């Protein structure tokens, strides 16, 4: 949930481990669009950048349910397998 529970701090604390944020939701459980999600999680991205781990942080928004498995497999396996 974006904007609640200091989720950005939680995400940043995972750096440099792999992290996939898929279809983030706001406090009212509504899907957050790409631009606001990227703005909200910019601090997390900067944390990953500072650790030279930008490839380990992925944010995917507005992914249809039928494509989620494909996105998760692709992210986990690496871009060479997509």
N, C-alpha and C. Protein backbone atom coordinates (compact mmCIF):
# COMPACT_ATOMS: atom_id res chain seq x y z
N UNK A 1 0.84 -1.16 0.00
CA UNK A 1 0.00 0.00 0.00
C UNK A 1 0.88 1.23 0.00
N UNK A 2 0.76 2.00 -1.03
CA UNK A 2 1.59 3.18 -1.17
C UNK A 2 1.05 4.29 -0.27
N UNK A 3 1.97 4.99 0.38
CA UNK A 3 1.59 6.11 1.22
C UNK A 3 1.10 5.74 2.60
N UNK A 4 1.26 4.50 2.99
CA UNK A 4 0.82 4.08 4.32
C UNK A 4 1.84 3.15 4.93
N UNK A 5 1.88 3.14 6.26
CA UNK A 5 2.73 2.22 7.02
C UNK A 5 4.21 2.36 6.70
N UNK A 6 4.66 3.48 6.22
CA UNK A 6 6.06 3.68 5.88
C UNK A 6 6.60 2.55 5.01
N UNK A 7 5.79 2.16 4.06
CA UNK A 7 6.17 1.03 3.19
C UNK A 7 7.46 1.34 2.42
N UNK A 8 7.70 2.61 2.13
CA UNK A 8 8.95 2.98 1.44
C UNK A 8 10.15 2.59 2.28
N UNK A 9 10.06 2.81 3.59
CA UNK A 9 11.16 2.43 4.47
C UNK A 9 11.37 0.92 4.46
N UNK A 10 10.28 0.19 4.47
CA UNK A 10 10.37 -1.27 4.42
C UNK A 10 11.03 -1.71 3.11
N UNK A 11 10.57 -1.16 2.00
CA UNK A 11 11.16 -1.52 0.70
C UNK A 11 12.65 -1.16 0.65
N UNK A 12 12.99 0.04 1.11
CA UNK A 12 14.39 0.47 1.08
C UNK A 12 15.26 -0.40 1.97
N UNK A 13 14.70 -0.91 3.05
CA UNK A 13 15.48 -1.75 3.96
C UNK A 13 15.85 -3.09 3.32
N UNK A 14 15.17 -3.45 2.25
CA UNK A 14 15.47 -4.70 1.56
C UNK A 14 16.66 -4.57 0.60
N UNK A 15 17.03 -3.35 0.29
CA UNK A 15 18.15 -3.13 -0.64
C UNK A 15 19.42 -3.70 -0.04
N UNK A 16 20.23 -4.34 -0.82
CA UNK A 16 20.23 -4.49 -2.27
C UNK A 16 19.56 -5.78 -2.77
N UNK A 17 18.75 -6.43 -1.93
CA UNK A 17 18.07 -7.66 -2.37
C UNK A 17 17.09 -7.36 -3.49
N UNK A 18 16.73 -8.39 -4.24
CA UNK A 18 15.77 -8.22 -5.32
C UNK A 18 14.40 -7.86 -4.74
N UNK A 19 13.75 -6.91 -5.39
CA UNK A 19 12.43 -6.47 -4.97
C UNK A 19 11.59 -6.16 -6.21
N UNK A 20 10.44 -6.78 -6.29
CA UNK A 20 9.48 -6.50 -7.34
C UNK A 20 8.22 -5.94 -6.70
N UNK A 21 7.86 -4.72 -7.06
CA UNK A 21 6.60 -4.11 -6.61
C UNK A 21 5.67 -4.20 -7.81
N UNK A 22 4.63 -4.99 -7.68
CA UNK A 22 3.74 -5.28 -8.79
C UNK A 22 2.34 -4.76 -8.47
N UNK A 23 1.85 -3.86 -9.33
CA UNK A 23 0.53 -3.27 -9.18
C UNK A 23 0.30 -2.72 -7.76
N UNK A 24 1.09 -1.73 -7.35
CA UNK A 24 0.93 -1.18 -6.00
C UNK A 24 -0.46 -0.58 -5.80
N UNK A 25 -0.90 -0.62 -4.55
CA UNK A 25 -2.22 -0.09 -4.18
C UNK A 25 -2.04 1.08 -3.22
N UNK A 26 -3.03 1.96 -3.19
CA UNK A 26 -3.01 3.05 -2.22
C UNK A 26 -3.72 2.59 -0.94
N UNK A 27 -3.89 3.49 0.00
CA UNK A 27 -4.50 3.14 1.28
C UNK A 27 -5.95 2.69 1.15
N UNK A 28 -6.58 3.04 0.04
CA UNK A 28 -7.96 2.63 -0.20
C UNK A 28 -8.05 1.41 -1.11
N UNK A 29 -6.91 0.76 -1.30
CA UNK A 29 -6.79 -0.47 -2.10
C UNK A 29 -7.10 -0.25 -3.59
N UNK A 30 -6.84 0.97 -4.06
CA UNK A 30 -6.99 1.28 -5.49
C UNK A 30 -5.60 1.17 -6.13
N UNK A 31 -5.55 0.64 -7.33
CA UNK A 31 -4.28 0.53 -8.04
C UNK A 31 -3.72 1.91 -8.33
N UNK A 32 -2.43 2.08 -8.10
CA UNK A 32 -1.76 3.35 -8.33
C UNK A 32 -1.15 3.32 -9.73
N UNK A 33 -1.36 4.37 -10.50
CA UNK A 33 -0.82 4.47 -11.86
C UNK A 33 0.70 4.60 -11.82
N UNK A 34 1.32 4.43 -12.95
CA UNK A 34 2.77 4.38 -13.07
C UNK A 34 3.48 5.63 -12.56
N UNK A 35 3.07 6.80 -13.02
CA UNK A 35 3.78 8.04 -12.65
C UNK A 35 3.70 8.30 -11.14
N UNK A 36 2.52 8.28 -10.53
CA UNK A 36 2.49 8.50 -9.08
C UNK A 36 3.24 7.41 -8.30
N UNK A 37 3.19 6.18 -8.77
CA UNK A 37 3.91 5.09 -8.09
C UNK A 37 5.41 5.34 -8.15
N UNK A 38 5.90 5.72 -9.31
CA UNK A 38 7.34 6.00 -9.45
C UNK A 38 7.76 7.20 -8.58
N UNK A 39 6.91 8.21 -8.53
CA UNK A 39 7.21 9.37 -7.68
C UNK A 39 7.25 8.96 -6.21
N UNK A 40 6.27 8.17 -5.79
CA UNK A 40 6.18 7.74 -4.40
C UNK A 40 7.36 6.85 -4.00
N UNK A 41 7.83 6.04 -4.93
CA UNK A 41 8.91 5.09 -4.62
C UNK A 41 10.27 5.56 -5.11
N UNK A 42 10.38 6.83 -5.45
CA UNK A 42 11.67 7.36 -5.92
C UNK A 42 12.75 7.22 -4.86
N UNK A 43 12.40 7.42 -3.61
CA UNK A 43 13.39 7.29 -2.53
C UNK A 43 13.92 5.86 -2.46
N UNK A 44 13.05 4.88 -2.68
CA UNK A 44 13.49 3.47 -2.70
C UNK A 44 14.45 3.27 -3.87
N UNK A 45 14.10 3.80 -5.02
CA UNK A 45 14.96 3.69 -6.19
C UNK A 45 16.32 4.33 -5.92
N UNK A 46 16.33 5.49 -5.28
CA UNK A 46 17.59 6.15 -4.96
C UNK A 46 18.43 5.30 -3.99
N UNK A 47 17.78 4.63 -3.07
CA UNK A 47 18.50 3.75 -2.15
C UNK A 47 19.18 2.63 -2.91
N UNK A 48 18.46 2.02 -3.84
CA UNK A 48 19.04 0.95 -4.66
C UNK A 48 20.18 1.51 -5.52
N UNK A 49 20.00 2.70 -6.07
CA UNK A 49 21.07 3.32 -6.85
C UNK A 49 22.32 3.54 -6.02
N UNK A 50 22.15 3.99 -4.79
CA UNK A 50 23.31 4.27 -3.94
C UNK A 50 24.09 3.00 -3.60
N UNK A 51 23.44 1.86 -3.71
CA UNK A 51 24.09 0.58 -3.45
C UNK A 51 24.49 -0.14 -4.74
N UNK A 52 24.41 0.59 -5.86
CA UNK A 52 24.71 0.01 -7.18
C UNK A 52 23.90 -1.25 -7.44
N UNK A 53 22.63 -1.20 -7.09
CA UNK A 53 21.76 -2.37 -7.22
C UNK A 53 20.47 -2.03 -7.96
N UNK A 54 20.53 -1.11 -8.90
CA UNK A 54 19.31 -0.68 -9.60
C UNK A 54 18.62 -1.82 -10.33
N UNK A 55 19.36 -2.80 -10.78
CA UNK A 55 18.74 -3.94 -11.47
C UNK A 55 17.92 -4.81 -10.52
N UNK A 56 18.10 -4.63 -9.23
CA UNK A 56 17.39 -5.45 -8.25
C UNK A 56 16.05 -4.86 -7.81
N UNK A 57 15.76 -3.63 -8.21
CA UNK A 57 14.49 -3.01 -7.86
C UNK A 57 13.65 -2.83 -9.12
N UNK A 58 12.48 -3.44 -9.13
CA UNK A 58 11.58 -3.34 -10.28
C UNK A 58 10.21 -2.89 -9.80
N UNK A 59 9.64 -1.97 -10.54
CA UNK A 59 8.28 -1.50 -10.28
C UNK A 59 7.49 -1.70 -11.56
N UNK A 60 6.45 -2.49 -11.48
CA UNK A 60 5.57 -2.74 -12.62
C UNK A 60 4.15 -2.36 -12.20
N UNK A 61 3.52 -1.51 -12.98
CA UNK A 61 2.17 -1.07 -12.66
C UNK A 61 1.22 -1.46 -13.78
N UNK A 62 -0.04 -1.54 -13.41
CA UNK A 62 -1.12 -1.78 -14.37
C UNK A 62 -0.90 -3.05 -15.19
N UNK A 63 -0.38 -4.09 -14.55
CA UNK A 63 -0.19 -5.37 -15.22
C UNK A 63 -1.48 -6.17 -15.07
N UNK A 64 -2.07 -6.61 -16.20
CA UNK A 64 -3.29 -7.41 -16.11
C UNK A 64 -3.02 -8.73 -15.37
N UNK A 65 -4.02 -9.21 -14.67
CA UNK A 65 -3.88 -10.43 -13.88
C UNK A 65 -3.36 -11.58 -14.76
N UNK A 66 -3.84 -11.70 -15.97
CA UNK A 66 -3.44 -12.82 -16.84
C UNK A 66 -1.96 -12.77 -17.23
N UNK A 67 -1.32 -11.59 -17.07
CA UNK A 67 0.08 -11.46 -17.43
C UNK A 67 1.02 -11.45 -16.23
N UNK A 68 0.47 -11.50 -15.02
CA UNK A 68 1.30 -11.41 -13.82
C UNK A 68 2.32 -12.54 -13.73
N UNK A 69 1.91 -13.75 -14.00
CA UNK A 69 2.83 -14.88 -13.91
C UNK A 69 4.01 -14.68 -14.86
N UNK A 70 3.73 -14.20 -16.07
CA UNK A 70 4.79 -13.96 -17.05
C UNK A 70 5.75 -12.87 -16.55
N UNK A 71 5.22 -11.80 -16.00
CA UNK A 71 6.05 -10.70 -15.49
C UNK A 71 6.91 -11.19 -14.33
N UNK A 72 6.31 -11.92 -13.40
CA UNK A 72 7.06 -12.43 -12.25
C UNK A 72 8.17 -13.38 -12.70
N UNK A 73 7.86 -14.28 -13.60
CA UNK A 73 8.87 -15.23 -14.12
C UNK A 73 10.00 -14.50 -14.81
N UNK A 74 9.66 -13.50 -15.59
CA UNK A 74 10.65 -12.74 -16.33
C UNK A 74 11.57 -11.97 -15.39
N UNK A 75 11.01 -11.35 -14.39
CA UNK A 75 11.80 -10.58 -13.43
C UNK A 75 12.71 -11.51 -12.63
N UNK A 76 12.17 -12.61 -12.17
CA UNK A 76 12.93 -13.54 -11.34
C UNK A 76 14.05 -14.24 -12.11
N UNK A 77 13.78 -14.58 -13.35
CA UNK A 77 14.76 -15.31 -14.15
C UNK A 77 15.78 -14.38 -14.77
N UNK A 78 15.43 -13.13 -14.94
CA UNK A 78 16.35 -12.17 -15.57
C UNK A 78 15.90 -11.84 -16.96
N UNK A 79 16.30 -10.67 -17.46
CA UNK A 79 15.82 -10.19 -18.76
C UNK A 79 16.26 -11.05 -19.94
N UNK A 80 17.31 -11.81 -19.80
CA UNK A 80 17.78 -12.64 -20.91
C UNK A 80 16.78 -13.73 -21.27
N UNK A 81 15.88 -14.08 -20.33
CA UNK A 81 14.92 -15.15 -20.58
C UNK A 81 13.58 -14.63 -21.06
N UNK A 82 13.38 -13.34 -21.14
CA UNK A 82 12.07 -12.78 -21.54
C UNK A 82 11.92 -12.76 -23.05
